[in-house]
Amino acid sequence: MAALRSNGRLPEPEVIANFLDGNSYSKGKLDEAFRALRLDKPYPKHAKAGPSHFKAEDIELLIQEFELTRPQAEKELAEADGDVAKALQHLIAAS
């Protein structure tokens, strides 16, 4: 329970905004809602990308020459069964 003031009453909540219809947002209620929604839950852990089974030189070639991201370059190599020549031909034909 919140701390009592010296006169025995609970402290008034800090009001952030008052609306014409009589409703208001108080800081304490917003803090409680935020804590319940986000702070009390553990943050999800991001999956780490494992090492690629493709050659680093092949991946870098596709990234540099076609301005692909690493996952895109790995996908192209996977579709070409790891053959960089087939991946290059596919990328050239697609552009």
PDB file of N, CA and C in Angstrom:
ATOM      1  N   MET A   1       0.846  -1.175   0.000  1.00  0.00           N
ATOM      2  CA  MET A   1       0.000   0.000   0.000  1.00  0.00           C
ATOM      3  C   MET A   1       0.892   1.239   0.000  1.00  0.00           C
ATOM      4  N   ALA A   2       0.408   2.287  -0.580  1.00  0.00           N
ATOM      5  CA  ALA A   2       1.181   3.518  -0.666  1.00  0.00           C
ATOM      6  C   ALA A   2       1.370   4.116   0.727  1.00  0.00           C
ATOM      7  N   ALA A   3       2.427   4.889   0.857  1.00  0.00           N
ATOM      8  CA  ALA A   3       2.732   5.513   2.149  1.00  0.00           C
ATOM      9  C   ALA A   3       1.666   6.545   2.501  1.00  0.00           C
ATOM     10  N   LEU A   4       1.303   6.584   3.772  1.00  0.00           N
ATOM     11  CA  LEU A   4       0.306   7.537   4.237  1.00  0.00           C
ATOM     12  C   LEU A   4       0.973   8.867   4.561  1.00  0.00           C
ATOM     13  N   ARG A   5       0.251   9.940   4.319  1.00  0.00           N
ATOM     14  CA  ARG A   5       0.741  11.259   4.717  1.00  0.00           C
ATOM     15  C   ARG A   5       0.560  11.409   6.220  1.00  0.00           C
ATOM     16  N   SER A   6       1.085  12.455   6.753  1.00  0.00           N
ATOM     17  CA  SER A   6       1.008  12.665   8.205  1.00  0.00           C
ATOM     18  C   SER A   6      -0.429  12.847   8.683  1.00  0.00           C
ATOM     19  N   ASN A   7      -1.356  13.288   7.830  1.00  0.00           N
ATOM     20  CA  ASN A   7      -2.742  13.465   8.241  1.00  0.00           C
ATOM     21  C   ASN A   7      -3.566  12.188   8.054  1.00  0.00           C
ATOM     22  N   GLY A   8      -2.922  11.071   7.625  1.00  0.00           N
ATOM     23  CA  GLY A   8      -3.618   9.808   7.501  1.00  0.00           C
ATOM     24  C   GLY A   8      -4.225   9.549   6.134  1.00  0.00           C
ATOM     25  N   ARG A   9      -4.132  10.511   5.226  1.00  0.00           N
ATOM     26  CA  ARG A   9      -4.703  10.332   3.894  1.00  0.00           C
ATOM     27  C   ARG A   9      -3.631   9.859   2.922  1.00  0.00           C
ATOM     28  N   LEU A  10      -4.081   9.154   1.908  1.00  0.00           N
ATOM     29  CA  LEU A  10      -3.162   8.744   0.839  1.00  0.00           C
ATOM     30  C   LEU A  10      -2.799   9.958  -0.003  1.00  0.00           C
ATOM     31  N   PRO A  11      -1.593   9.992  -0.535  1.00  0.00           N
ATOM     32  CA  PRO A  11      -1.227  11.127  -1.390  1.00  0.00           C
ATOM     33  C   PRO A  11      -2.056  11.118  -2.673  1.00  0.00           C
ATOM     34  N   GLU A  12      -2.348  12.286  -3.176  1.00  0.00           N
ATOM     35  CA  GLU A  12      -3.098  12.429  -4.416  1.00  0.00           C
ATOM     36  C   GLU A  12      -2.210  12.013  -5.589  1.00  0.00           C
ATOM     37  N   PRO A  13      -2.780  11.324  -6.592  1.00  0.00           N
ATOM     38  CA  PRO A  13      -1.962  10.945  -7.743  1.00  0.00           C
ATOM     39  C   PRO A  13      -1.603  12.174  -8.574  1.00  0.00           C
ATOM     40  N   GLU A  14      -0.442  12.119  -9.170  1.00  0.00           N
ATOM     41  CA  GLU A  14      -0.022  13.194 -10.054  1.00  0.00           C
ATOM     42  C   GLU A  14      -0.781  13.050 -11.364  1.00  0.00           C
ATOM     43  N   VAL A  15      -1.589  14.043 -11.700  1.00  0.00           N
ATOM     44  CA  VAL A  15      -2.411  13.983 -12.897  1.00  0.00           C
ATOM     45  C   VAL A  15      -1.606  14.517 -14.072  1.00  0.00           C
ATOM     46  N   ILE A  16      -1.569  13.722 -15.136  1.00  0.00           N
ATOM     47  CA  ILE A  16      -0.831  14.123 -16.326  1.00  0.00           C
ATOM     48  C   ILE A  16      -1.705  14.969 -17.241  1.00  0.00           C
ATOM     49  N   ALA A  17      -2.962  14.544 -17.441  1.00  0.00           N
ATOM     50  CA  ALA A  17      -3.853  15.275 -18.331  1.00  0.00           C
ATOM     51  C   ALA A  17      -5.286  15.166 -17.844  1.00  0.00           C
ATOM     52  N   ASN A  18      -6.020  16.267 -17.888  1.00  0.00           N
ATOM     53  CA  ASN A  18      -7.452  16.285 -17.586  1.00  0.00           C
ATOM     54  C   ASN A  18      -8.192  16.506 -18.894  1.00  0.00           C
ATOM     55  N   PHE A  19      -9.311  15.802 -19.056  1.00  0.00           N
ATOM     56  CA  PHE A  19     -10.100  15.918 -20.271  1.00  0.00           C
ATOM     57  C   PHE A  19     -11.440  16.553 -19.954  1.00  0.00           C
ATOM     58  N   LEU A  20     -12.096  17.117 -20.978  1.00  0.00           N
ATOM     59  CA  LEU A  20     -13.361  17.819 -20.780  1.00  0.00           C
ATOM     60  C   LEU A  20     -14.459  16.892 -20.277  1.00  0.00           C
ATOM     61  N   ASP A  21     -14.395  15.608 -20.578  1.00  0.00           N
ATOM     62  CA  ASP A  21     -15.437  14.690 -20.128  1.00  0.00           C
ATOM     63  C   ASP A  21     -15.236  14.232 -18.686  1.00  0.00           C
ATOM     64  N   GLY A  22     -14.203  14.738 -18.008  1.00  0.00           N
ATOM     65  CA  GLY A  22     -13.983  14.431 -16.611  1.00  0.00           C
ATOM     66  C   GLY A  22     -12.951  13.347 -16.359  1.00  0.00           C
ATOM     67  N   ASN A  23     -12.539  12.646 -17.382  1.00  0.00           N
ATOM     68  CA  ASN A  23     -11.515  11.614 -17.220  1.00  0.00           C
ATOM     69  C   ASN A  23     -10.139  12.247 -17.155  1.00  0.00           C
ATOM     70  N   SER A  24      -9.221  11.539 -16.541  1.00  0.00           N
ATOM     71  CA  SER A  24      -7.847  12.026 -16.475  1.00  0.00           C
ATOM     72  C   SER A  24      -6.902  10.845 -16.446  1.00  0.00           C
ATOM     73  N   TYR A  25      -5.672  11.089 -16.865  1.00  0.00           N
ATOM     74  CA  TYR A  25      -4.618  10.089 -16.783  1.00  0.00           C
ATOM     75  C   TYR A  25      -3.725  10.453 -15.613  1.00  0.00           C
ATOM     76  N   SER A  26      -3.485   9.497 -14.734  1.00  0.00           N
ATOM     77  CA  SER A  26      -2.590   9.773 -13.620  1.00  0.00           C
ATOM     78  C   SER A  26      -1.280   9.027 -13.836  1.00  0.00           C
ATOM     79  N   LYS A  27      -0.205   9.597 -13.355  1.00  0.00           N
ATOM     80  CA  LYS A  27       1.123   9.029 -13.530  1.00  0.00           C
ATOM     81  C   LYS A  27       1.217   7.652 -12.884  1.00  0.00           C
ATOM     82  N   GLY A  28       0.664   7.489 -11.724  1.00  0.00           N
ATOM     83  CA  GLY A  28       0.733   6.202 -11.031  1.00  0.00           C
ATOM     84  C   GLY A  28       0.053   5.086 -11.807  1.00  0.00           C
ATOM     85  N   LYS A  29      -1.119   5.365 -12.362  1.00  0.00           N
ATOM     86  CA  LYS A  29      -1.831   4.346 -13.125  1.00  0.00           C
ATOM     87  C   LYS A  29      -1.099   4.009 -14.416  1.00  0.00           C
ATOM     88  N   LEU A  30      -0.528   5.016 -15.061  1.00  0.00           N
ATOM     89  CA  LEU A  30       0.241   4.750 -16.278  1.00  0.00           C
ATOM     90  C   LEU A  30       1.483   3.926 -15.969  1.00  0.00           C
ATOM     91  N   ASP A  31       2.160   4.224 -14.876  1.00  0.00           N
ATOM     92  CA  ASP A  31       3.334   3.449 -14.476  1.00  0.00           C
ATOM     93  C   ASP A  31       2.964   1.999 -14.197  1.00  0.00           C
ATOM     94  N   GLU A  32       1.839   1.787 -13.498  1.00  0.00           N
ATOM     95  CA  GLU A  32       1.400   0.425 -13.204  1.00  0.00           C
ATOM     96  C   GLU A  32       1.071  -0.337 -14.478  1.00  0.00           C
ATOM     97  N   ALA A  33       0.383   0.319 -15.397  1.00  0.00           N
ATOM     98  CA  ALA A  33       0.015  -0.341 -16.652  1.00  0.00           C
ATOM     99  C   ALA A  33       1.255  -0.670 -17.468  1.00  0.00           C
ATOM    100  N   PHE A  34       2.193   0.250 -17.536  1.00  0.00           N
ATOM    101  CA  PHE A  34       3.422   0.006 -18.288  1.00  0.00           C
ATOM    102  C   PHE A  34       4.213  -1.140 -17.671  1.00  0.00           C
ATOM    103  N   ARG A  35       4.311  -1.145 -16.362  1.00  0.00           N
ATOM    104  CA  ARG A  35       5.053  -2.195 -15.663  1.00  0.00           C
ATOM    105  C   ARG A  35       4.394  -3.554 -15.903  1.00  0.00           C
ATOM    106  N   ALA A  36       3.086  -3.589 -15.853  1.00  0.00           N
ATOM    107  CA  ALA A  36       2.374  -4.853 -16.052  1.00  0.00           C
ATOM    108  C   ALA A  36       2.557  -5.363 -17.482  1.00  0.00           C
ATOM    109  N   LEU A  37       2.597  -4.450 -18.431  1.00  0.00           N
ATOM    110  CA  LEU A  37       2.709  -4.867 -19.827  1.00  0.00           C
ATOM    111  C   LEU A  37       4.137  -5.172 -20.255  1.00  0.00           C
ATOM    112  N   ARG A  38       5.111  -4.442 -19.738  1.00  0.00           N
ATOM    113  CA  ARG A  38       6.455  -4.579 -20.285  1.00  0.00           C
ATOM    114  C   ARG A  38       7.533  -4.924 -19.265  1.00  0.00           C
ATOM    115  N   LEU A  39       7.556  -4.268 -18.162  1.00  0.00           N
ATOM    116  CA  LEU A  39       8.690  -4.404 -17.258  1.00  0.00           C
ATOM    117  C   LEU A  39       8.698  -5.723 -16.495  1.00  0.00           C
ATOM    118  N   ASP A  40       7.533  -6.286 -16.222  1.00  0.00           N
ATOM    119  CA  ASP A  40       7.495  -7.520 -15.454  1.00  0.00           C
ATOM    120  C   ASP A  40       7.717  -8.763 -16.308  1.00  0.00           C
ATOM    121  N   LYS A  41       7.781  -8.589 -17.629  1.00  0.00           N
ATOM    122  CA  LYS A  41       7.995  -9.722 -18.526  1.00  0.00           C
ATOM    123  C   LYS A  41       9.455  -9.755 -18.957  1.00  0.00           C
ATOM    124  N   PRO A  42      10.021 -10.939 -19.086  1.00  0.00           N
ATOM    125  CA  PRO A  42      11.412 -11.000 -19.563  1.00  0.00           C
ATOM    126  C   PRO A  42      11.483 -10.625 -21.040  1.00  0.00           C
ATOM    127  N   TYR A  43      12.575 -10.005 -21.412  1.00  0.00           N
ATOM    128  CA  TYR A  43      12.776  -9.631 -22.804  1.00  0.00           C
ATOM    129  C   TYR A  43      13.068 -10.886 -23.620  1.00  0.00           C
ATOM    130  N   PRO A  44      12.539 -10.951 -24.828  1.00  0.00           N
ATOM    131  CA  PRO A  44      12.815 -12.129 -25.656  1.00  0.00           C
ATOM    132  C   PRO A  44      14.275 -12.142 -26.087  1.00  0.00           C
ATOM    133  N   LYS A  45      14.838 -13.323 -26.156  1.00  0.00           N
ATOM    134  CA  LYS A  45      16.225 -13.459 -26.596  1.00  0.00           C
ATOM    135  C   LYS A  45      16.234 -13.668 -28.100  1.00  0.00           C
ATOM    136  N   HIS A  46      17.088 -12.917 -28.760  1.00  0.00           N
ATOM    137  CA  HIS A  46      17.197 -13.034 -30.208  1.00  0.00           C
ATOM    138  C   HIS A  46      18.042 -14.255 -30.548  1.00  0.00           C
ATOM    139  N   ALA A  47      17.584 -14.952 -31.558  1.00  0.00           N
ATOM    140  CA  ALA A  47      18.333 -16.133 -31.986  1.00  0.00           C
ATOM    141  C   ALA A  47      19.600 -15.679 -32.692  1.00  0.00           C
ATOM    142  N   LYS A  48      20.692 -16.286 -32.308  1.00  0.00           N
ATOM    143  CA  LYS A  48      21.964 -15.956 -32.937  1.00  0.00           C
ATOM    144  C   LYS A  48      22.091 -16.725 -34.233  1.00  0.00           C
ATOM    145  N   ALA A  49      22.556 -16.045 -35.235  1.00  0.00           N
ATOM    146  CA  ALA A  49      22.780 -16.716 -36.509  1.00  0.00           C
ATOM    147  C   ALA A  49      24.004 -17.617 -36.368  1.00  0.00           C
ATOM    148  N   GLY A  50      23.820 -18.852 -36.715  1.00  0.00           N
ATOM    149  CA  GLY A  50      24.923 -19.807 -36.627  1.00  0.00           C
ATOM    150  C   GLY A  50      25.909 -19.587 -37.761  1.00  0.00           C
ATOM    151  N   PRO A  51      27.034 -20.233 -37.677  1.00  0.00           N
ATOM    152  CA  PRO A  51      28.007 -20.082 -38.745  1.00  0.00           C
ATOM    153  C   PRO A  51      27.464 -20.664 -40.043  1.00  0.00           C
ATOM    154  N   SER A  52      27.754 -19.998 -41.122  1.00  0.00           N
ATOM    155  CA  SER A  52      27.288 -20.429 -42.425  1.00  0.00           C
ATOM    156  C   SER A  52      28.178 -21.548 -42.947  1.00  0.00           C
ATOM    157  N   HIS A  53      27.579 -22.473 -43.672  1.00  0.00           N
ATOM    158  CA  HIS A  53      28.368 -23.555 -44.242  1.00  0.00           C
ATOM    159  C   HIS A  53      28.865 -23.219 -45.641  1.00  0.00           C
ATOM    160  N   PHE A  54      28.657 -21.970 -46.059  1.00  0.00           N
ATOM    161  CA  PHE A  54      29.173 -21.507 -47.344  1.00  0.00           C
ATOM    162  C   PHE A  54      30.510 -20.808 -47.121  1.00  0.00           C
ATOM    163  N   LYS A  55      31.289 -20.720 -48.178  1.00  0.00           N
ATOM    164  CA  LYS A  55      32.575 -20.035 -48.075  1.00  0.00           C
ATOM    165  C   LYS A  55      32.347 -18.544 -47.818  1.00  0.00           C
ATOM    166  N   ALA A  56      33.141 -17.986 -46.945  1.00  0.00           N
ATOM    167  CA  ALA A  56      33.020 -16.563 -46.613  1.00  0.00           C
ATOM    168  C   ALA A  56      33.310 -15.699 -47.837  1.00  0.00           C
ATOM    169  N   GLU A  57      34.238 -16.156 -48.690  1.00  0.00           N
ATOM    170  CA  GLU A  57      34.581 -15.388 -49.892  1.00  0.00           C
ATOM    171  C   GLU A  57      33.391 -15.327 -50.852  1.00  0.00           C
ATOM    172  N   ASP A  58      32.643 -16.429 -50.963  1.00  0.00           N
ATOM    173  CA  ASP A  58      31.483 -16.449 -51.853  1.00  0.00           C
ATOM    174  C   ASP A  58      30.392 -15.509 -51.354  1.00  0.00           C
ATOM    175  N   ILE A  59      30.167 -15.541 -50.054  1.00  0.00           N
ATOM    176  CA  ILE A  59      29.157 -14.657 -49.468  1.00  0.00           C
ATOM    177  C   ILE A  59      29.554 -13.202 -49.662  1.00  0.00           C
ATOM    178  N   GLU A  60      30.818 -12.876 -49.396  1.00  0.00           N
ATOM    179  CA  GLU A  60      31.292 -11.496 -49.543  1.00  0.00           C
ATOM    180  C   GLU A  60      31.205 -11.027 -50.997  1.00  0.00           C
ATOM    181  N   LEU A  61      31.460 -11.921 -51.933  1.00  0.00           N
ATOM    182  CA  LEU A  61      31.362 -11.574 -53.356  1.00  0.00           C
ATOM    183  C   LEU A  61      29.941 -11.150 -53.695  1.00  0.00           C
ATOM    184  N   LEU A  62      28.965 -11.930 -53.272  1.00  0.00           N
ATOM    185  CA  LEU A  62      27.574 -11.596 -53.555  1.00  0.00           C
ATOM    186  C   LEU A  62      27.147 -10.307 -52.846  1.00  0.00           C
ATOM    187  N   ILE A  63      27.617 -10.124 -51.630  1.00  0.00           N
ATOM    188  CA  ILE A  63      27.271  -8.912 -50.883  1.00  0.00           C
ATOM    189  C   ILE A  63      27.838  -7.676 -51.575  1.00  0.00           C
ATOM    190  N   GLN A  64      29.093  -7.742 -51.975  1.00  0.00           N
ATOM    191  CA  GLN A  64      29.751  -6.583 -52.582  1.00  0.00           C
ATOM    192  C   GLN A  64      29.237  -6.284 -53.987  1.00  0.00           C
ATOM    193  N   GLU A  65      29.100  -7.296 -54.803  1.00  0.00           N
ATOM    194  CA  GLU A  65      28.757  -7.074 -56.205  1.00  0.00           C
ATOM    195  C   GLU A  65      27.285  -6.768 -56.433  1.00  0.00           C
ATOM    196  N   PHE A  66      26.407  -7.363 -55.630  1.00  0.00           N
ATOM    197  CA  PHE A  66      24.977  -7.181 -55.849  1.00  0.00           C
ATOM    198  C   PHE A  66      24.303  -6.403 -54.732  1.00  0.00           C
ATOM    199  N   GLU A  67      25.082  -5.900 -53.784  1.00  0.00           N
ATOM    200  CA  GLU A  67      24.571  -5.106 -52.668  1.00  0.00           C
ATOM    201  C   GLU A  67      23.451  -5.837 -51.933  1.00  0.00           C
ATOM    202  N   LEU A  68      23.702  -7.101 -51.613  1.00  0.00           N
ATOM    203  CA  LEU A  68      22.758  -7.924 -50.877  1.00  0.00           C
ATOM    204  C   LEU A  68      23.113  -7.896 -49.393  1.00  0.00           C
ATOM    205  N   THR A  69      22.149  -8.256 -48.585  1.00  0.00           N
ATOM    206  CA  THR A  69      22.450  -8.464 -47.165  1.00  0.00           C
ATOM    207  C   THR A  69      23.013  -9.871 -47.017  1.00  0.00           C
ATOM    208  N   ARG A  70      23.618 -10.148 -45.887  1.00  0.00           N
ATOM    209  CA  ARG A  70      24.194 -11.484 -45.665  1.00  0.00           C
ATOM    210  C   ARG A  70      23.136 -12.584 -45.774  1.00  0.00           C
ATOM    211  N   PRO A  71      21.960 -12.417 -45.152  1.00  0.00           N
ATOM    212  CA  PRO A  71      20.948 -13.477 -45.303  1.00  0.00           C
ATOM    213  C   PRO A  71      20.497 -13.677 -46.751  1.00  0.00           C
ATOM    214  N   GLN A  72      20.397 -12.585 -47.517  1.00  0.00           N
ATOM    215  CA  GLN A  72      20.021 -12.708 -48.920  1.00  0.00           C
ATOM    216  C   GLN A  72      21.088 -13.458 -49.706  1.00  0.00           C
ATOM    217  N   ALA A  73      22.350 -13.147 -49.441  1.00  0.00           N
ATOM    218  CA  ALA A  73      23.446 -13.824 -50.133  1.00  0.00           C
ATOM    219  C   ALA A  73      23.475 -15.303 -49.780  1.00  0.00           C
ATOM    220  N   GLU A  74      23.255 -15.632 -48.519  1.00  0.00           N
ATOM    221  CA  GLU A  74      23.229 -17.033 -48.103  1.00  0.00           C
ATOM    222  C   GLU A  74      22.052 -17.764 -48.726  1.00  0.00           C
ATOM    223  N   LYS A  75      20.913 -17.077 -48.863  1.00  0.00           N
ATOM    224  CA  LYS A  75      19.742 -17.696 -49.500  1.00  0.00           C
ATOM    225  C   LYS A  75      20.031 -17.999 -50.966  1.00  0.00           C
ATOM    226  N   GLU A  76      20.661 -17.051 -51.650  1.00  0.00           N
ATOM    227  CA  GLU A  76      21.006 -17.279 -53.059  1.00  0.00           C
ATOM    228  C   GLU A  76      21.959 -18.461 -53.203  1.00  0.00           C
ATOM    229  N   LEU A  77      22.932 -18.550 -52.323  1.00  0.00           N
ATOM    230  CA  LEU A  77      23.865 -19.675 -52.378  1.00  0.00           C
ATOM    231  C   LEU A  77      23.160 -20.990 -52.047  1.00  0.00           C
ATOM    232  N   ALA A  78      22.218 -20.951 -51.129  1.00  0.00           N
ATOM    233  CA  ALA A  78      21.482 -22.163 -50.782  1.00  0.00           C
ATOM    234  C   ALA A  78      20.636 -22.639 -51.959  1.00  0.00           C
ATOM    235  N   GLU A  79      20.019 -21.692 -52.654  1.00  0.00           N
ATOM    236  CA  GLU A  79      19.210 -22.059 -53.820  1.00  0.00           C
ATOM    237  C   GLU A  79      20.067 -22.608 -54.948  1.00  0.00           C
ATOM    238  N   ALA A  80      21.333 -22.184 -54.991  1.00  0.00           N
ATOM    239  CA  ALA A  80      22.259 -22.654 -56.027  1.00  0.00           C
ATOM    240  C   ALA A  80      23.088 -23.837 -55.531  1.00  0.00           C
ATOM    241  N   ASP A  81      22.671 -24.450 -54.419  1.00  0.00           N
ATOM    242  CA  ASP A  81      23.388 -25.597 -53.841  1.00  0.00           C
ATOM    243  C   ASP A  81      24.849 -25.291 -53.533  1.00  0.00           C
ATOM    244  N   GLY A  82      25.121 -24.060 -53.138  1.00  0.00           N
ATOM    245  CA  GLY A  82      26.470 -23.670 -52.742  1.00  0.00           C
ATOM    246  C   GLY A  82      27.382 -23.306 -53.897  1.00  0.00           C
ATOM    247  N   ASP A  83      26.875 -23.385 -55.108  1.00  0.00           N
ATOM    248  CA  ASP A  83      27.690 -23.069 -56.296  1.00  0.00           C
ATOM    249  C   ASP A  83      27.596 -21.570 -56.564  1.00  0.00           C
ATOM    250  N   VAL A  84      28.704 -20.872 -56.382  1.00  0.00           N
ATOM    251  CA  VAL A  84      28.701 -19.417 -56.539  1.00  0.00           C
ATOM    252  C   VAL A  84      28.465 -19.023 -57.990  1.00  0.00           C
ATOM    253  N   ALA A  85      28.918 -19.824 -58.939  1.00  0.00           N
ATOM    254  CA  ALA A  85      28.706 -19.505 -60.357  1.00  0.00           C
ATOM    255  C   ALA A  85      27.214 -19.528 -60.698  1.00  0.00           C
ATOM    256  N   LYS A  86      26.482 -20.535 -60.193  1.00  0.00           N
ATOM    257  CA  LYS A  86      25.037 -20.609 -60.429  1.00  0.00           C
ATOM    258  C   LYS A  86      24.316 -19.453 -59.751  1.00  0.00           C
ATOM    259  N   ALA A  87      24.752 -19.087 -58.557  1.00  0.00           N
ATOM    260  CA  ALA A  87      24.139 -17.972 -57.837  1.00  0.00           C
ATOM    261  C   ALA A  87      24.354 -16.668 -58.597  1.00  0.00           C
ATOM    262  N   LEU A  88      25.567 -16.479 -59.129  1.00  0.00           N
ATOM    263  CA  LEU A  88      25.847 -15.287 -59.926  1.00  0.00           C
ATOM    264  C   LEU A  88      24.987 -15.237 -61.176  1.00  0.00           C
ATOM    265  N   GLN A  89      24.863 -16.375 -61.872  1.00  0.00           N
ATOM    266  CA  GLN A  89      24.048 -16.414 -63.085  1.00  0.00           C
ATOM    267  C   GLN A  89      22.585 -16.096 -62.766  1.00  0.00           C
ATOM    268  N   HIS A  90      22.084 -16.625 -61.676  1.00  0.00           N
ATOM    269  CA  HIS A  90      20.698 -16.358 -61.281  1.00  0.00           C
ATOM    270  C   HIS A  90      20.497 -14.887 -60.969  1.00  0.00           C
ATOM    271  N   LEU A  91      21.433 -14.283 -60.250  1.00  0.00           N
ATOM    272  CA  LEU A  91      21.314 -12.875 -59.888  1.00  0.00           C
ATOM    273  C   LEU A  91      21.426 -11.975 -61.119  1.00  0.00           C
ATOM    274  N   ILE A  92      22.288 -12.347 -62.058  1.00  0.00           N
ATOM    275  CA  ILE A  92      22.436 -11.558 -63.282  1.00  0.00           C
ATOM    276  C   ILE A  92      21.160 -11.654 -64.113  1.00  0.00           C
ATOM    277  N   ALA A  93      20.604 -12.857 -64.230  1.00  0.00           N
ATOM    278  CA  ALA A  93      19.373 -13.045 -65.001  1.00  0.00           C
ATOM    279  C   ALA A  93      18.197 -12.322 -64.358  1.00  0.00           C
ATOM    280  N   ALA A  94      18.180 -12.233 -63.031  1.00  0.00           N
ATOM    281  CA  ALA A  94      17.078 -11.590 -62.320  1.00  0.00           C
ATOM    282  C   ALA A  94      17.139 -10.063 -62.407  1.00  0.00           C
ATOM    283  N   SER A  95      18.331  -9.505 -62.671  1.00  0.00           N
ATOM    284  CA  SER A  95      18.418  -8.040 -62.711  1.00  0.00           C
ATOM    285  C   SER A  95      18.199  -7.466 -64.057  1.00  0.00           C
TER     286      SER A  95
END
